[in-house]
Amino acid sequence: MKILRLISRLLDYPDETLAAHLPEVIHFIGQSDALSPRLRDRLLRFIEYYERRELLDWQSEYEGLFERGRAVSLHIFEHVYGESRDRGQAMVDLMKRYRSAGLALAERELPDYLPAYLEFCATQEEAAREWLQEIAHILALLATRLRARESVYAELVDALLDLSEVEVDRDGLARQVAGEARDDTPEVLDKIWEEEAVSFSAAQGSACEQGITRPSAAQLKDDKAITWVDAGNHAPDTSVMLGSKQ
C-alpha cells in the first residue's frame, strides 16, 4: 500500500526534503487511479495548505500541535496506556510483531509512533487494512481532537480511517471531545512538568519497567526519514522514500 507510506511521511516531522517534493506528491495523488475521490481530496487539502506556507512555519505548527500535551500525540499507546508500565510491555510486544514479519525499526523511534506503524503496515500488502483496523478507535479519537483544534492534520488521520473501512460514531466522539479540557495550555503544561515522573535509562531497568519518553520533534529533525532493516541480516532498506516502493 504505497499510500500508507505517503501518509506516514506526511505525518512525520516536516523537513526540507518533504517540502521540496510536495509538487511531485500532488502530481502523484492527482494521477493515481487507486485513490477514491474522497481520499484524494483529503490528501490534496492537506498538501496544498502547507505548500503555501514557509517550512519554518510548518515546523513550528507541527511542534506546537504534537509536542504540547498528549491529547493529539502521534504515539498510539499514549491513548491506551498513558505513562503506565503496561505501555512498556506493549512496546515490546509490538516490536516482536514487527520482527516476526522480518522487520526491525532502524532509527531511534518508538514502535508505537504512528508514522513508523504506517511504514510497517505498508509492507503487509493484503493485511495492511487489518492492521489499520486494530487502531481505528484511536485514529477516530485523534481525528476528532485534531478537528476540534481546527488542524488540517485531521485530513490525514481521516484518510487512514477511510482506508480502514471502519465505521465510527463521529457525533458521539465530537460530544466527548467537546467536554475535554485542553492539555496544551501553559498552565497545564507547567503542572505536568512539576508532576512528571523520573524516566530511567535502559541501564536501570527493562523497557517495560521504565517510563518511556520520545525525543521531541525538534531533537529528531536532523534524523533521516524512518527506515527499516531486515531483522535477519540487518541490511538497511533504503527504498522507503516517497513512492519508491509498492
C-alpha atoms as a PDB file:
ATOM      1  CA  MET A   1       0.000   0.000   0.000  1.00  0.00           C
ATOM      2  CA  LYS A   2       2.077   2.888  -1.273  1.00  0.00           C
ATOM      3  CA  ILE A   3      -0.484   5.397   0.019  1.00  0.00           C
ATOM      4  CA  LEU A   4       0.278   4.368   3.628  1.00  0.00           C
ATOM      5  CA  ARG A   5       3.944   5.150   3.084  1.00  0.00           C
ATOM      6  CA  LEU A   6       2.971   8.568   1.747  1.00  0.00           C
ATOM      7  CA  ILE A   7       0.680   9.366   4.693  1.00  0.00           C
ATOM      8  CA  SER A   8       3.395   8.170   7.049  1.00  0.00           C
ATOM      9  CA  ARG A   9       5.820  10.664   5.546  1.00  0.00           C
ATOM     10  CA  LEU A  10       3.284  13.491   5.706  1.00  0.00           C
ATOM     11  CA  LEU A  11       2.595  12.767   9.388  1.00  0.00           C
ATOM     12  CA  ASP A  12       6.283  12.777  10.273  1.00  0.00           C
ATOM     13  CA  TYR A  13       8.227  15.915  11.151  1.00  0.00           C
ATOM     14  CA  PRO A  14       8.305  18.175   8.057  1.00  0.00           C
ATOM     15  CA  ASP A  15      11.764  18.740   6.636  1.00  0.00           C
ATOM     16  CA  GLU A  16      13.333  20.321   3.559  1.00  0.00           C
ATOM     17  CA  THR A  17      13.135  17.096   1.552  1.00  0.00           C
ATOM     18  CA  LEU A  18       9.410  16.739   2.121  1.00  0.00           C
ATOM     19  CA  ALA A  19       8.712  20.409   1.401  1.00  0.00           C
ATOM     20  CA  ALA A  20      10.706  20.279  -1.838  1.00  0.00           C
ATOM     21  CA  HIS A  21       8.794  17.222  -3.095  1.00  0.00           C
ATOM     22  CA  LEU A  22       5.252  18.458  -2.404  1.00  0.00           C
ATOM     23  CA  PRO A  23       4.595  19.320  -6.096  1.00  0.00           C
ATOM     24  CA  GLU A  24       5.561  15.766  -7.060  1.00  0.00           C
ATOM     25  CA  VAL A  25       3.307  14.375  -4.345  1.00  0.00           C
ATOM     26  CA  ILE A  26       0.392  16.441  -5.647  1.00  0.00           C
ATOM     27  CA  HIS A  27       1.030  15.083  -9.144  1.00  0.00           C
ATOM     28  CA  PHE A  28       1.164  11.508  -7.836  1.00  0.00           C
ATOM     29  CA  ILE A  29      -2.129  11.887  -5.966  1.00  0.00           C
ATOM     30  CA  GLY A  30      -3.825  13.522  -8.923  1.00  0.00           C
ATOM     31  CA  GLN A  31      -2.752  10.756 -11.302  1.00  0.00           C
ATOM     32  CA  SER A  32      -3.381   7.763  -9.015  1.00  0.00           C
ATOM     33  CA  ASP A  33      -6.334   5.606 -10.045  1.00  0.00           C
ATOM     34  CA  ALA A  34      -6.105   3.677  -6.786  1.00  0.00           C
ATOM     35  CA  LEU A  35      -7.440   6.552  -4.664  1.00  0.00           C
ATOM     36  CA  SER A  36     -11.105   7.295  -4.143  1.00  0.00           C
ATOM     37  CA  PRO A  37     -12.217  10.885  -4.836  1.00  0.00           C
ATOM     38  CA  ARG A  38     -12.781  11.482  -1.107  1.00  0.00           C
ATOM     39  CA  LEU A  39      -9.341  10.161  -0.177  1.00  0.00           C
ATOM     40  CA  ARG A  40      -7.712  12.195  -2.943  1.00  0.00           C
ATOM     41  CA  ASP A  41      -9.475  15.365  -1.770  1.00  0.00           C
ATOM     42  CA  ARG A  42      -8.383  14.846   1.842  1.00  0.00           C
ATOM     43  CA  LEU A  43      -4.728  14.469   0.897  1.00  0.00           C
ATOM     44  CA  LEU A  44      -4.766  17.402  -1.509  1.00  0.00           C
ATOM     45  CA  ARG A  45      -6.369  19.708   1.074  1.00  0.00           C
ATOM     46  CA  PHE A  46      -3.563  18.914   3.478  1.00  0.00           C
ATOM     47  CA  ILE A  47      -0.711  19.224   0.987  1.00  0.00           C
ATOM     48  CA  GLU A  48      -1.974  22.362  -0.717  1.00  0.00           C
ATOM     49  CA  TYR A  49      -2.372  24.043   2.670  1.00  0.00           C
ATOM     50  CA  TYR A  50       1.268  23.503   3.596  1.00  0.00           C
ATOM     51  CA  GLU A  51       2.578  24.049   0.089  1.00  0.00           C
ATOM     52  CA  ARG A  52       1.636  27.714   0.536  1.00  0.00           C
ATOM     53  CA  ARG A  53       3.445  28.066   3.856  1.00  0.00           C
ATOM     54  CA  GLU A  54       7.084  28.538   4.772  1.00  0.00           C
ATOM     55  CA  LEU A  55       8.813  25.410   6.082  1.00  0.00           C
ATOM     56  CA  LEU A  56       9.750  27.094   9.369  1.00  0.00           C
ATOM     57  CA  ASP A  57       6.099  27.995   9.948  1.00  0.00           C
ATOM     58  CA  TRP A  58       5.074  24.432   9.167  1.00  0.00           C
ATOM     59  CA  GLN A  59       7.639  23.048  11.595  1.00  0.00           C
ATOM     60  CA  SER A  60       6.550  25.475  14.286  1.00  0.00           C
ATOM     61  CA  GLU A  61       2.913  24.476  13.858  1.00  0.00           C
ATOM     62  CA  TYR A  62       3.861  20.787  13.987  1.00  0.00           C
ATOM     63  CA  GLU A  63       5.792  21.190  17.224  1.00  0.00           C
ATOM     64  CA  GLY A  64       3.059  23.297  18.777  1.00  0.00           C
ATOM     65  CA  LEU A  65       0.444  20.720  17.865  1.00  0.00           C
ATOM     66  CA  PHE A  66       2.121  17.394  18.593  1.00  0.00           C
ATOM     67  CA  GLU A  67       4.738  18.290  21.212  1.00  0.00           C
ATOM     68  CA  ARG A  68       2.467  20.080  23.701  1.00  0.00           C
ATOM     69  CA  GLY A  69       0.176  17.890  25.708  1.00  0.00           C
ATOM     70  CA  ARG A  70      -0.836  14.324  24.976  1.00  0.00           C
ATOM     71  CA  ALA A  71      -4.353  14.562  23.564  1.00  0.00           C
ATOM     72  CA  VAL A  72      -3.159  14.518  19.943  1.00  0.00           C
ATOM     73  CA  SER A  73       0.021  12.514  20.464  1.00  0.00           C
ATOM     74  CA  LEU A  74       1.165  10.507  17.439  1.00  0.00           C
ATOM     75  CA  HIS A  75       2.170   7.673  19.761  1.00  0.00           C
ATOM     76  CA  ILE A  76      -0.550   5.053  19.617  1.00  0.00           C
ATOM     77  CA  PHE A  77      -0.125   3.658  23.120  1.00  0.00           C
ATOM     78  CA  GLU A  78      -0.263   7.140  24.654  1.00  0.00           C
ATOM     79  CA  HIS A  79      -4.014   6.951  24.067  1.00  0.00           C
ATOM     80  CA  VAL A  80      -4.297   3.489  25.618  1.00  0.00           C
ATOM     81  CA  TYR A  81      -1.802   3.273  28.473  1.00  0.00           C
ATOM     82  CA  GLY A  82      -0.578   6.810  29.096  1.00  0.00           C
ATOM     83  CA  GLU A  83       2.681   6.553  31.043  1.00  0.00           C
ATOM     84  CA  SER A  84       1.856   3.290  32.839  1.00  0.00           C
ATOM     85  CA  ARG A  85       4.252   0.348  32.867  1.00  0.00           C
ATOM     86  CA  ASP A  86       1.802  -1.575  30.687  1.00  0.00           C
ATOM     87  CA  ARG A  87       2.823   0.705  27.860  1.00  0.00           C
ATOM     88  CA  GLY A  88       6.392  -0.561  28.061  1.00  0.00           C
ATOM     89  CA  GLN A  89       5.288  -4.175  27.687  1.00  0.00           C
ATOM     90  CA  ALA A  90       3.003  -3.204  24.805  1.00  0.00           C
ATOM     91  CA  MET A  91       6.035  -1.637  23.106  1.00  0.00           C
ATOM     92  CA  VAL A  92       7.973  -4.858  23.499  1.00  0.00           C
ATOM     93  CA  ASP A  93       5.077  -6.904  22.111  1.00  0.00           C
ATOM     94  CA  LEU A  94       4.653  -4.601  19.110  1.00  0.00           C
ATOM     95  CA  MET A  95       8.346  -4.766  18.300  1.00  0.00           C
ATOM     96  CA  LYS A  96       8.117  -8.562  18.419  1.00  0.00           C
ATOM     97  CA  ARG A  97       5.301  -8.404  15.879  1.00  0.00           C
ATOM     98  CA  TYR A  98       7.479  -6.252  13.642  1.00  0.00           C
ATOM     99  CA  ARG A  99      10.349  -8.709  13.960  1.00  0.00           C
ATOM    100  CA  SER A 100       8.092 -11.700  13.264  1.00  0.00           C
ATOM    101  CA  ALA A 101       7.417 -10.083   9.892  1.00  0.00           C
ATOM    102  CA  GLY A 102      11.167  -9.799   9.302  1.00  0.00           C
ATOM    103  CA  LEU A 103      11.474  -6.108  10.123  1.00  0.00           C
ATOM    104  CA  ALA A 104      13.094  -4.069  12.874  1.00  0.00           C
ATOM    105  CA  LEU A 105      12.927  -0.329  13.387  1.00  0.00           C
ATOM    106  CA  ALA A 106      16.305   1.076  12.405  1.00  0.00           C
ATOM    107  CA  GLU A 107      16.089   4.603  13.790  1.00  0.00           C
ATOM    108  CA  ARG A 108      15.698   5.710  17.414  1.00  0.00           C
ATOM    109  CA  GLU A 109      11.920   5.922  17.092  1.00  0.00           C
ATOM    110  CA  LEU A 110       9.489   4.150  19.386  1.00  0.00           C
ATOM    111  CA  PRO A 111       7.499   1.347  17.741  1.00  0.00           C
ATOM    112  CA  ASP A 112       4.113   2.901  18.540  1.00  0.00           C
ATOM    113  CA  TYR A 113       4.950   6.127  16.682  1.00  0.00           C
ATOM    114  CA  LEU A 114       2.154   6.341  14.110  1.00  0.00           C
ATOM    115  CA  PRO A 115       4.357   7.094  11.061  1.00  0.00           C
ATOM    116  CA  ALA A 116       6.528   4.074  11.933  1.00  0.00           C
ATOM    117  CA  TYR A 117       3.431   1.900  12.372  1.00  0.00           C
ATOM    118  CA  LEU A 118       2.162   3.028   8.957  1.00  0.00           C
ATOM    119  CA  GLU A 119       5.515   2.261   7.344  1.00  0.00           C
ATOM    120  CA  PHE A 120       5.162  -1.250   8.710  1.00  0.00           C
ATOM    121  CA  CYS A 121       1.552  -1.551   7.542  1.00  0.00           C
ATOM    122  CA  ALA A 122       2.658  -0.555   4.049  1.00  0.00           C
ATOM    123  CA  THR A 123       4.790  -3.710   3.865  1.00  0.00           C
ATOM    124  CA  GLN A 124       1.931  -6.014   4.803  1.00  0.00           C
ATOM    125  CA  GLU A 125       0.014  -5.939   1.495  1.00  0.00           C
ATOM    126  CA  GLU A 126      -3.423  -7.566   1.976  1.00  0.00           C
ATOM    127  CA  ALA A 127      -3.073  -7.480   5.781  1.00  0.00           C
ATOM    128  CA  ALA A 128      -2.449  -3.713   5.869  1.00  0.00           C
ATOM    129  CA  ARG A 129      -6.134  -2.900   6.296  1.00  0.00           C
ATOM    130  CA  GLU A 130      -6.413  -5.294   9.235  1.00  0.00           C
ATOM    131  CA  TRP A 131      -3.526  -3.528  10.962  1.00  0.00           C
ATOM    132  CA  LEU A 132      -5.294  -0.196  10.445  1.00  0.00           C
ATOM    133  CA  GLN A 133      -8.498  -1.630  11.840  1.00  0.00           C
ATOM    134  CA  GLU A 134      -6.669  -2.587  15.040  1.00  0.00           C
ATOM    135  CA  ILE A 135      -6.078   1.094  15.811  1.00  0.00           C
ATOM    136  CA  ALA A 136      -9.211   2.546  14.175  1.00  0.00           C
ATOM    137  CA  HIS A 137     -10.704   3.605  17.529  1.00  0.00           C
ATOM    138  CA  ILE A 138      -7.525   5.554  18.311  1.00  0.00           C
ATOM    139  CA  LEU A 139      -7.449   7.127  14.860  1.00  0.00           C
ATOM    140  CA  ALA A 140     -11.077   8.204  15.238  1.00  0.00           C
ATOM    141  CA  LEU A 141     -10.403   9.921  18.569  1.00  0.00           C
ATOM    142  CA  LEU A 142      -7.224  11.544  17.226  1.00  0.00           C
ATOM    143  CA  ALA A 143      -9.004  12.838  14.118  1.00  0.00           C
ATOM    144  CA  THR A 144     -11.831  14.274  16.216  1.00  0.00           C
ATOM    145  CA  ARG A 145      -9.425  16.075  18.530  1.00  0.00           C
ATOM    146  CA  LEU A 146      -7.463  17.472  15.587  1.00  0.00           C
ATOM    147  CA  ARG A 147     -10.660  18.793  14.011  1.00  0.00           C
ATOM    148  CA  ALA A 148     -11.620  20.387  17.319  1.00  0.00           C
ATOM    149  CA  ARG A 149      -8.294  22.237  17.134  1.00  0.00           C
ATOM    150  CA  GLU A 150      -9.018  23.189  13.522  1.00  0.00           C
ATOM    151  CA  SER A 151      -5.882  21.404  12.329  1.00  0.00           C
ATOM    152  CA  VAL A 152      -5.576  20.290   8.722  1.00  0.00           C
ATOM    153  CA  TYR A 153      -3.697  17.222  10.032  1.00  0.00           C
ATOM    154  CA  ALA A 154      -7.181  15.807  10.705  1.00  0.00           C
ATOM    155  CA  GLU A 155      -7.422  15.190   6.955  1.00  0.00           C
ATOM    156  CA  LEU A 156      -4.536  12.709   7.101  1.00  0.00           C
ATOM    157  CA  VAL A 157      -5.947  10.782  10.047  1.00  0.00           C
ATOM    158  CA  ASP A 158      -9.413  10.720   8.491  1.00  0.00           C
ATOM    159  CA  ALA A 159      -7.779   9.382   5.325  1.00  0.00           C
ATOM    160  CA  LEU A 160      -6.436   6.474   7.394  1.00  0.00           C
ATOM    161  CA  LEU A 161      -9.927   5.841   8.770  1.00  0.00           C
ATOM    162  CA  ASP A 162     -11.284   5.805   5.221  1.00  0.00           C
ATOM    163  CA  LEU A 163      -8.654   3.213   4.289  1.00  0.00           C
ATOM    164  CA  SER A 164      -9.518   1.085   7.333  1.00  0.00           C
ATOM    165  CA  GLU A 165     -13.181   0.972   6.244  1.00  0.00           C
ATOM    166  CA  VAL A 166     -14.250   1.080   9.897  1.00  0.00           C
ATOM    167  CA  GLU A 167     -17.448   2.973  10.713  1.00  0.00           C
ATOM    168  CA  VAL A 168     -17.154   5.245  13.759  1.00  0.00           C
ATOM    169  CA  ASP A 169     -19.624   7.287  15.781  1.00  0.00           C
ATOM    170  CA  ARG A 170     -18.308  10.715  14.825  1.00  0.00           C
ATOM    171  CA  ASP A 171     -21.124  12.593  16.548  1.00  0.00           C
ATOM    172  CA  GLY A 172     -20.515  10.719  19.793  1.00  0.00           C
ATOM    173  CA  LEU A 173     -16.783  11.363  19.597  1.00  0.00           C
ATOM    174  CA  ALA A 174     -17.388  15.040  18.889  1.00  0.00           C
ATOM    175  CA  ARG A 175     -19.504  15.306  22.039  1.00  0.00           C
ATOM    176  CA  GLN A 176     -16.826  13.510  24.057  1.00  0.00           C
ATOM    177  CA  VAL A 177     -14.049  15.750  22.814  1.00  0.00           C
ATOM    178  CA  ALA A 178     -16.143  18.880  23.352  1.00  0.00           C
ATOM    179  CA  GLY A 179     -16.239  18.012  27.045  1.00  0.00           C
ATOM    180  CA  GLU A 180     -12.499  17.504  27.380  1.00  0.00           C
ATOM    181  CA  ALA A 181     -10.245  20.109  28.950  1.00  0.00           C
ATOM    182  CA  ARG A 182      -7.329  21.274  26.804  1.00  0.00           C
ATOM    183  CA  ASP A 183      -3.998  19.787  27.855  1.00  0.00           C
ATOM    184  CA  ASP A 184      -1.746  22.136  25.885  1.00  0.00           C
ATOM    185  CA  THR A 185      -2.231  25.404  27.753  1.00  0.00           C
ATOM    186  CA  PRO A 186       0.775  26.951  29.551  1.00  0.00           C
ATOM    187  CA  GLU A 187      -0.849  26.347  32.929  1.00  0.00           C
ATOM    188  CA  VAL A 188      -1.482  22.653  32.279  1.00  0.00           C
ATOM    189  CA  LEU A 189       1.964  22.117  30.769  1.00  0.00           C
ATOM    190  CA  ASP A 190       3.625  23.715  33.793  1.00  0.00           C
ATOM    191  CA  LYS A 191       1.692  21.380  36.084  1.00  0.00           C
ATOM    192  CA  ILE A 192       2.701  18.337  34.013  1.00  0.00           C
ATOM    193  CA  TRP A 193       6.362  19.308  34.243  1.00  0.00           C
ATOM    194  CA  GLU A 194       6.061  19.624  38.003  1.00  0.00           C
ATOM    195  CA  GLU A 195       4.442  16.195  38.341  1.00  0.00           C
ATOM    196  CA  GLU A 196       6.498  14.357  35.692  1.00  0.00           C
ATOM    197  CA  ALA A 197       7.916  11.085  36.980  1.00  0.00           C
ATOM    198  CA  VAL A 198      11.614  10.400  36.552  1.00  0.00           C
ATOM    199  CA  SER A 199      12.400   8.450  33.359  1.00  0.00           C
ATOM    200  CA  PHE A 200      15.120   5.885  33.944  1.00  0.00           C
ATOM    201  CA  SER A 201      17.780   4.940  31.425  1.00  0.00           C
ATOM    202  CA  ALA A 202      17.976   1.491  29.871  1.00  0.00           C
ATOM    203  CA  ALA A 203      20.723   0.568  32.347  1.00  0.00           C
ATOM    204  CA  GLN A 204      18.280   0.974  35.217  1.00  0.00           C
ATOM    205  CA  GLY A 205      15.577  -1.428  34.109  1.00  0.00           C
ATOM    206  CA  SER A 206      13.848  -3.188  31.264  1.00  0.00           C
ATOM    207  CA  ALA A 207      11.723  -1.377  28.718  1.00  0.00           C
ATOM    208  CA  CYS A 208       8.517  -2.482  30.385  1.00  0.00           C
ATOM    209  CA  GLU A 209       9.688  -1.163  33.781  1.00  0.00           C
ATOM    210  CA  GLN A 210      10.749   2.279  32.591  1.00  0.00           C
ATOM    211  CA  GLY A 211       8.875   5.462  31.908  1.00  0.00           C
ATOM    212  CA  ILE A 212       9.094   5.848  28.119  1.00  0.00           C
ATOM    213  CA  THR A 213       9.675   9.210  26.520  1.00  0.00           C
ATOM    214  CA  ARG A 214      10.317  10.126  22.906  1.00  0.00           C
ATOM    215  CA  PRO A 215      12.771  12.793  21.771  1.00  0.00           C
ATOM    216  CA  SER A 216      10.942  15.916  20.690  1.00  0.00           C
ATOM    217  CA  ALA A 217      10.326  16.667  17.034  1.00  0.00           C
ATOM    218  CA  ALA A 218      12.925  19.412  17.246  1.00  0.00           C
ATOM    219  CA  GLN A 219      15.515  16.935  18.516  1.00  0.00           C
ATOM    220  CA  LEU A 220      14.682  14.499  15.738  1.00  0.00           C
ATOM    221  CA  LYS A 221      14.520  16.985  12.888  1.00  0.00           C
ATOM    222  CA  ASP A 222      18.035  16.164  11.668  1.00  0.00           C
ATOM    223  CA  ASP A 223      17.363  12.408  11.640  1.00  0.00           C
ATOM    224  CA  LYS A 224      16.783  10.558   8.402  1.00  0.00           C
ATOM    225  CA  ALA A 225      13.270   9.529   7.447  1.00  0.00           C
ATOM    226  CA  ILE A 226      12.034   6.380   9.157  1.00  0.00           C
ATOM    227  CA  THR A 227      13.826   3.332   7.806  1.00  0.00           C
ATOM    228  CA  TRP A 228      13.622  -0.366   8.449  1.00  0.00           C
ATOM    229  CA  VAL A 229      16.205  -3.110   8.443  1.00  0.00           C
ATOM    230  CA  ASP A 230      15.752  -6.783   7.788  1.00  0.00           C
ATOM    231  CA  ALA A 231      15.590  -8.410  11.210  1.00  0.00           C
ATOM    232  CA  GLY A 232      17.611 -11.337   9.935  1.00  0.00           C
ATOM    233  CA  ASN A 233      20.674  -9.719   8.409  1.00  0.00           C
ATOM    234  CA  HIS A 234      20.254  -6.064   9.496  1.00  0.00           C
ATOM    235  CA  ALA A 235      20.806  -4.841   5.944  1.00  0.00           C
ATOM    236  CA  PRO A 236      19.320  -1.373   5.619  1.00  0.00           C
ATOM    237  CA  ASP A 237      16.246  -0.826   3.493  1.00  0.00           C
ATOM    238  CA  THR A 238      16.858   2.445   1.669  1.00  0.00           C
ATOM    239  CA  SER A 239      13.775   2.314  -0.505  1.00  0.00           C
ATOM    240  CA  VAL A 240      11.308   3.998   1.820  1.00  0.00           C
ATOM    241  CA  MET A 241      11.283   7.457   0.257  1.00  0.00           C
ATOM    242  CA  LEU A 242       8.064   8.716  -1.258  1.00  0.00           C
ATOM    243  CA  GLY A 243       6.749   6.500  -3.990  1.00  0.00           C
ATOM    244  CA  SER A 244       9.803   4.274  -4.138  1.00  0.00           C
ATOM    245  CA  LYS A 245       8.115   1.072  -3.059  1.00  0.00           C
ATOM    246  CA  GLN A 246       4.802  -0.521  -3.928  1.00  0.00           C
END
